[in-house]
């Protein structure tokens, strides 16, 4: 497989993951994803932002989230985010420290 085809396939797989998370599974909360998998939609939007920045495209955190979510963070939270109980919040603190803080 040539590099261009590989890149196109990887991009298609990313778009399908994005669709799955943004359309098919709105019921899955970011905190649950982080606690179980060590990443969430916010991580994906940050990776998108970082990739843009590495290519000389200026993009801040909120612009990265809008690009991934298709809406502002505030709008997403209002539409889809639910409250997390104390156990989920405590697990998130651990997962965030293990998966994001040391790698950001």
N, C-alpha and C. Protein backbone atom coordinates (compact mmCIF):
# COMPACT_ATOMS: atom_id res chain seq x y z
N UNK A 1 0.86 -1.18 0.00
CA UNK A 1 0.00 0.00 0.00
C UNK A 1 0.90 1.24 0.00
N UNK A 2 0.58 2.18 -0.85
CA UNK A 2 1.39 3.40 -0.90
C UNK A 2 0.99 4.34 0.25
N UNK A 3 1.87 5.31 0.53
CA UNK A 3 1.65 6.22 1.66
C UNK A 3 0.37 7.03 1.54
N UNK A 4 0.05 7.52 0.35
CA UNK A 4 -1.15 8.34 0.18
C UNK A 4 -2.41 7.52 0.47
N UNK A 5 -2.45 6.29 0.00
CA UNK A 5 -3.60 5.43 0.27
C UNK A 5 -3.72 5.14 1.75
N UNK A 6 -2.59 4.86 2.41
CA UNK A 6 -2.59 4.62 3.85
C UNK A 6 -3.14 5.83 4.60
N UNK A 7 -2.68 7.03 4.24
CA UNK A 7 -3.15 8.26 4.87
C UNK A 7 -4.65 8.43 4.67
N UNK A 8 -5.13 8.17 3.47
CA UNK A 8 -6.56 8.30 3.19
C UNK A 8 -7.39 7.30 4.00
N UNK A 9 -6.89 6.09 4.14
CA UNK A 9 -7.59 5.08 4.94
C UNK A 9 -7.58 5.46 6.41
N UNK A 10 -6.44 5.93 6.91
CA UNK A 10 -6.37 6.38 8.30
C UNK A 10 -7.33 7.55 8.55
N UNK A 11 -7.39 8.48 7.62
CA UNK A 11 -8.30 9.63 7.75
C UNK A 11 -9.76 9.16 7.74
N UNK A 12 -10.08 8.20 6.89
CA UNK A 12 -11.44 7.68 6.84
C UNK A 12 -11.80 6.99 8.16
N UNK A 13 -10.86 6.24 8.71
CA UNK A 13 -11.11 5.57 9.99
C UNK A 13 -11.30 6.60 11.11
N UNK A 14 -10.51 7.68 11.09
CA UNK A 14 -10.68 8.75 12.08
C UNK A 14 -12.05 9.39 11.94
N UNK A 15 -12.46 9.69 10.72
CA UNK A 15 -13.78 10.31 10.50
C UNK A 15 -14.90 9.39 10.98
N UNK A 16 -14.74 8.09 10.79
CA UNK A 16 -15.77 7.15 11.25
C UNK A 16 -15.80 7.10 12.77
N UNK A 17 -14.64 7.13 13.42
CA UNK A 17 -14.58 7.19 14.88
C UNK A 17 -15.26 8.46 15.37
N UNK A 18 -14.96 9.57 14.73
CA UNK A 18 -15.58 10.84 15.10
C UNK A 18 -17.10 10.76 14.95
N UNK A 19 -17.58 10.22 13.85
CA UNK A 19 -19.02 10.07 13.64
C UNK A 19 -19.63 9.18 14.72
N UNK A 20 -18.97 8.09 15.04
CA UNK A 20 -19.47 7.17 16.05
C UNK A 20 -19.64 7.89 17.39
N UNK A 21 -18.64 8.68 17.77
CA UNK A 21 -18.68 9.37 19.06
C UNK A 21 -19.61 10.58 19.06
N UNK A 22 -19.75 11.24 17.91
CA UNK A 22 -20.51 12.48 17.87
C UNK A 22 -21.95 12.30 17.41
N UNK A 23 -22.26 11.16 16.81
CA UNK A 23 -23.63 10.93 16.32
C UNK A 23 -24.24 9.65 16.87
N UNK A 24 -23.47 8.57 16.85
CA UNK A 24 -24.03 7.26 17.20
C UNK A 24 -24.08 7.02 18.70
N UNK A 25 -23.12 7.56 19.45
CA UNK A 25 -23.02 7.26 20.88
C UNK A 25 -22.95 8.51 21.74
N UNK A 26 -23.92 9.37 21.56
CA UNK A 26 -24.01 10.58 22.37
C UNK A 26 -24.26 10.26 23.84
N UNK A 27 -24.74 9.04 24.11
CA UNK A 27 -25.01 8.62 25.47
C UNK A 27 -23.74 8.35 26.27
N UNK A 28 -22.64 8.10 25.60
CA UNK A 28 -21.38 7.80 26.29
C UNK A 28 -20.73 9.11 26.70
N UNK A 29 -20.52 9.26 27.98
CA UNK A 29 -19.95 10.48 28.52
C UNK A 29 -18.42 10.47 28.40
N UNK A 30 -17.83 11.64 28.24
CA UNK A 30 -16.37 11.75 28.18
C UNK A 30 -15.72 11.16 29.42
N UNK A 31 -16.30 11.41 30.58
CA UNK A 31 -15.70 10.92 31.82
C UNK A 31 -15.66 9.39 31.82
N UNK A 32 -16.69 8.76 31.27
CA UNK A 32 -16.69 7.30 31.19
C UNK A 32 -15.62 6.80 30.23
N UNK A 33 -15.47 7.47 29.10
CA UNK A 33 -14.43 7.09 28.15
C UNK A 33 -13.04 7.23 28.77
N UNK A 34 -12.81 8.35 29.45
CA UNK A 34 -11.50 8.57 30.07
C UNK A 34 -11.23 7.52 31.14
N UNK A 35 -12.24 7.25 31.95
CA UNK A 35 -12.05 6.29 33.04
C UNK A 35 -11.80 4.87 32.52
N UNK A 36 -12.42 4.52 31.41
CA UNK A 36 -12.26 3.16 30.87
C UNK A 36 -11.12 3.01 29.87
N UNK A 37 -10.94 4.02 29.03
CA UNK A 37 -10.00 3.88 27.92
C UNK A 37 -8.77 4.79 28.01
N UNK A 38 -8.82 5.78 28.90
CA UNK A 38 -7.68 6.68 29.03
C UNK A 38 -7.67 7.80 28.00
N UNK A 39 -8.76 7.96 27.26
CA UNK A 39 -8.91 9.09 26.33
C UNK A 39 -10.39 9.35 26.15
N UNK A 40 -10.70 10.55 25.62
CA UNK A 40 -12.10 10.92 25.40
C UNK A 40 -12.17 11.84 24.18
N UNK A 41 -13.34 12.40 23.94
CA UNK A 41 -13.51 13.32 22.83
C UNK A 41 -12.59 14.52 22.95
N UNK A 42 -12.40 15.00 24.18
CA UNK A 42 -11.51 16.15 24.38
C UNK A 42 -10.08 15.81 24.00
N UNK A 43 -9.65 14.59 24.28
CA UNK A 43 -8.31 14.16 23.88
C UNK A 43 -8.20 14.16 22.36
N UNK A 44 -9.20 13.62 21.69
CA UNK A 44 -9.18 13.60 20.22
C UNK A 44 -9.14 15.02 19.65
N UNK A 45 -9.89 15.92 20.25
CA UNK A 45 -9.87 17.31 19.76
C UNK A 45 -8.51 17.95 20.03
N UNK A 46 -7.87 17.59 21.15
CA UNK A 46 -6.53 18.13 21.46
C UNK A 46 -5.51 17.57 20.48
N UNK A 47 -5.61 16.29 20.16
CA UNK A 47 -4.68 15.69 19.20
C UNK A 47 -4.85 16.33 17.83
N UNK A 48 -6.09 16.66 17.46
CA UNK A 48 -6.37 17.36 16.21
C UNK A 48 -5.69 18.74 16.24
N UNK A 49 -5.88 19.45 17.34
CA UNK A 49 -5.26 20.78 17.49
C UNK A 49 -3.73 20.67 17.42
N UNK A 50 -3.16 19.72 18.12
CA UNK A 50 -1.71 19.56 18.11
C UNK A 50 -1.19 19.24 16.71
N UNK A 51 -1.90 18.40 15.97
CA UNK A 51 -1.49 18.08 14.60
C UNK A 51 -1.53 19.33 13.72
N UNK A 52 -2.56 20.15 13.91
CA UNK A 52 -2.64 21.41 13.15
C UNK A 52 -1.48 22.32 13.52
N UNK A 53 -1.22 22.47 14.81
CA UNK A 53 -0.13 23.33 15.27
C UNK A 53 1.22 22.85 14.74
N UNK A 54 1.43 21.54 14.72
CA UNK A 54 2.69 20.98 14.20
C UNK A 54 2.90 21.30 12.73
N UNK A 55 1.81 21.57 12.03
CA UNK A 55 1.88 21.91 10.60
C UNK A 55 1.81 23.41 10.36
N UNK A 56 2.00 24.19 11.44
CA UNK A 56 2.04 25.64 11.32
C UNK A 56 0.67 26.30 11.25
N UNK A 57 -0.39 25.55 11.55
CA UNK A 57 -1.73 26.11 11.55
C UNK A 57 -2.06 26.52 12.98
N UNK A 58 -2.34 27.81 13.17
CA UNK A 58 -2.67 28.29 14.51
C UNK A 58 -4.07 27.82 14.89
N UNK A 59 -4.15 27.11 15.99
CA UNK A 59 -5.44 26.62 16.48
C UNK A 59 -5.33 26.49 17.98
N UNK A 60 -6.24 27.15 18.71
CA UNK A 60 -6.23 27.01 20.15
C UNK A 60 -7.13 25.84 20.57
N UNK A 61 -7.18 25.59 21.87
CA UNK A 61 -7.93 24.45 22.39
C UNK A 61 -9.40 24.49 21.99
N UNK A 62 -10.03 25.65 22.13
CA UNK A 62 -11.46 25.75 21.80
C UNK A 62 -11.70 25.56 20.31
N UNK A 63 -10.83 26.10 19.46
CA UNK A 63 -10.98 25.90 18.02
C UNK A 63 -10.83 24.42 17.66
N UNK A 64 -9.93 23.72 18.34
CA UNK A 64 -9.78 22.29 18.12
C UNK A 64 -11.04 21.53 18.52
N UNK A 65 -11.63 21.95 19.62
CA UNK A 65 -12.87 21.30 20.06
C UNK A 65 -14.01 21.58 19.09
N UNK A 66 -14.11 22.80 18.61
CA UNK A 66 -15.16 23.12 17.64
C UNK A 66 -14.95 22.29 16.36
N UNK A 67 -13.70 22.15 15.93
CA UNK A 67 -13.41 21.36 14.73
C UNK A 67 -13.82 19.90 14.93
N UNK A 68 -13.59 19.35 16.12
CA UNK A 68 -13.93 17.95 16.37
C UNK A 68 -15.40 17.77 16.70
N UNK A 69 -15.91 18.58 17.62
CA UNK A 69 -17.29 18.44 18.10
C UNK A 69 -18.32 19.00 17.11
N UNK A 70 -17.90 19.95 16.30
CA UNK A 70 -18.85 20.61 15.42
C UNK A 70 -19.68 21.66 16.13
N UNK A 71 -19.25 22.02 17.33
CA UNK A 71 -19.94 23.03 18.14
C UNK A 71 -19.01 23.44 19.28
N UNK A 72 -19.37 24.50 19.97
CA UNK A 72 -18.55 24.96 21.09
C UNK A 72 -18.63 23.98 22.26
N UNK A 73 -17.66 24.06 23.13
CA UNK A 73 -17.66 23.23 24.33
C UNK A 73 -18.92 23.50 25.16
N UNK A 74 -19.28 24.77 25.31
CA UNK A 74 -20.46 25.13 26.10
C UNK A 74 -21.72 24.50 25.51
N UNK A 75 -21.85 24.54 24.19
CA UNK A 75 -23.03 23.97 23.54
C UNK A 75 -23.07 22.46 23.74
N UNK A 76 -21.93 21.79 23.59
CA UNK A 76 -21.87 20.34 23.79
C UNK A 76 -22.30 19.98 25.21
N UNK A 77 -21.72 20.68 26.18
CA UNK A 77 -22.05 20.38 27.58
C UNK A 77 -23.54 20.58 27.85
N UNK A 78 -24.09 21.65 27.33
CA UNK A 78 -25.51 21.93 27.54
C UNK A 78 -26.40 20.85 26.94
N UNK A 79 -26.03 20.38 25.76
CA UNK A 79 -26.86 19.39 25.05
C UNK A 79 -26.68 17.96 25.57
N UNK A 80 -25.44 17.57 25.90
CA UNK A 80 -25.15 16.15 26.08
C UNK A 80 -24.49 15.75 27.40
N UNK A 81 -23.83 16.64 28.09
CA UNK A 81 -23.10 16.24 29.28
C UNK A 81 -24.03 16.09 30.48
N UNK A 82 -23.85 15.01 31.21
CA UNK A 82 -24.62 14.78 32.43
C UNK A 82 -23.70 14.90 33.63
N UNK A 83 -24.28 15.03 34.80
CA UNK A 83 -23.48 15.12 36.02
C UNK A 83 -22.83 13.78 36.32
N UNK A 84 -21.63 13.86 36.85
CA UNK A 84 -20.90 12.65 37.22
C UNK A 84 -20.88 12.53 38.74
N UNK A 85 -21.07 11.32 39.22
CA UNK A 85 -21.04 11.12 40.67
C UNK A 85 -19.61 11.19 41.20
N UNK A 86 -19.48 11.17 42.51
CA UNK A 86 -18.17 11.32 43.16
C UNK A 86 -17.21 10.21 42.77
N UNK A 87 -17.71 8.98 42.63
CA UNK A 87 -16.84 7.87 42.24
C UNK A 87 -16.25 8.06 40.85
N UNK A 88 -17.09 8.50 39.91
CA UNK A 88 -16.61 8.76 38.55
C UNK A 88 -15.60 9.91 38.55
N UNK A 89 -15.87 10.93 39.33
CA UNK A 89 -14.95 12.07 39.39
C UNK A 89 -13.60 11.66 39.97
N UNK A 90 -13.62 10.83 41.01
CA UNK A 90 -12.36 10.36 41.61
C UNK A 90 -11.59 9.50 40.62
N UNK A 91 -12.27 8.62 39.92
CA UNK A 91 -11.61 7.77 38.91
C UNK A 91 -11.05 8.63 37.79
N UNK A 92 -11.77 9.69 37.43
CA UNK A 92 -11.30 10.59 36.37
C UNK A 92 -10.01 11.27 36.78
N UNK A 93 -9.90 11.71 38.01
CA UNK A 93 -8.67 12.36 38.48
C UNK A 93 -7.47 11.44 38.26
N UNK A 94 -7.63 10.17 38.57
CA UNK A 94 -6.55 9.19 38.38
C UNK A 94 -6.28 8.99 36.89
N UNK A 95 -7.33 8.77 36.11
CA UNK A 95 -7.17 8.51 34.67
C UNK A 95 -6.54 9.71 33.97
N UNK A 96 -6.97 10.91 34.33
CA UNK A 96 -6.41 12.12 33.71
C UNK A 96 -4.94 12.24 34.04
N UNK A 97 -4.59 12.02 35.30
CA UNK A 97 -3.18 12.12 35.68
C UNK A 97 -2.33 11.09 34.94
N UNK A 98 -2.84 9.88 34.82
CA UNK A 98 -2.09 8.80 34.17
C UNK A 98 -2.00 8.96 32.65
N UNK A 99 -3.02 9.55 32.04
CA UNK A 99 -3.09 9.54 30.60
C UNK A 99 -2.91 10.89 29.92
N UNK A 100 -3.09 11.97 30.65
CA UNK A 100 -3.04 13.28 30.02
C UNK A 100 -1.97 14.17 30.63
N UNK A 101 -1.99 14.36 31.92
CA UNK A 101 -1.12 15.33 32.57
C UNK A 101 0.35 15.12 32.24
N UNK A 102 0.82 13.91 32.33
CA UNK A 102 2.24 13.63 32.09
C UNK A 102 2.60 13.64 30.61
N UNK A 103 1.60 13.59 29.73
CA UNK A 103 1.87 13.51 28.32
C UNK A 103 1.58 14.81 27.56
N UNK A 104 0.92 15.73 28.24
CA UNK A 104 0.56 16.99 27.56
C UNK A 104 1.74 17.91 27.43
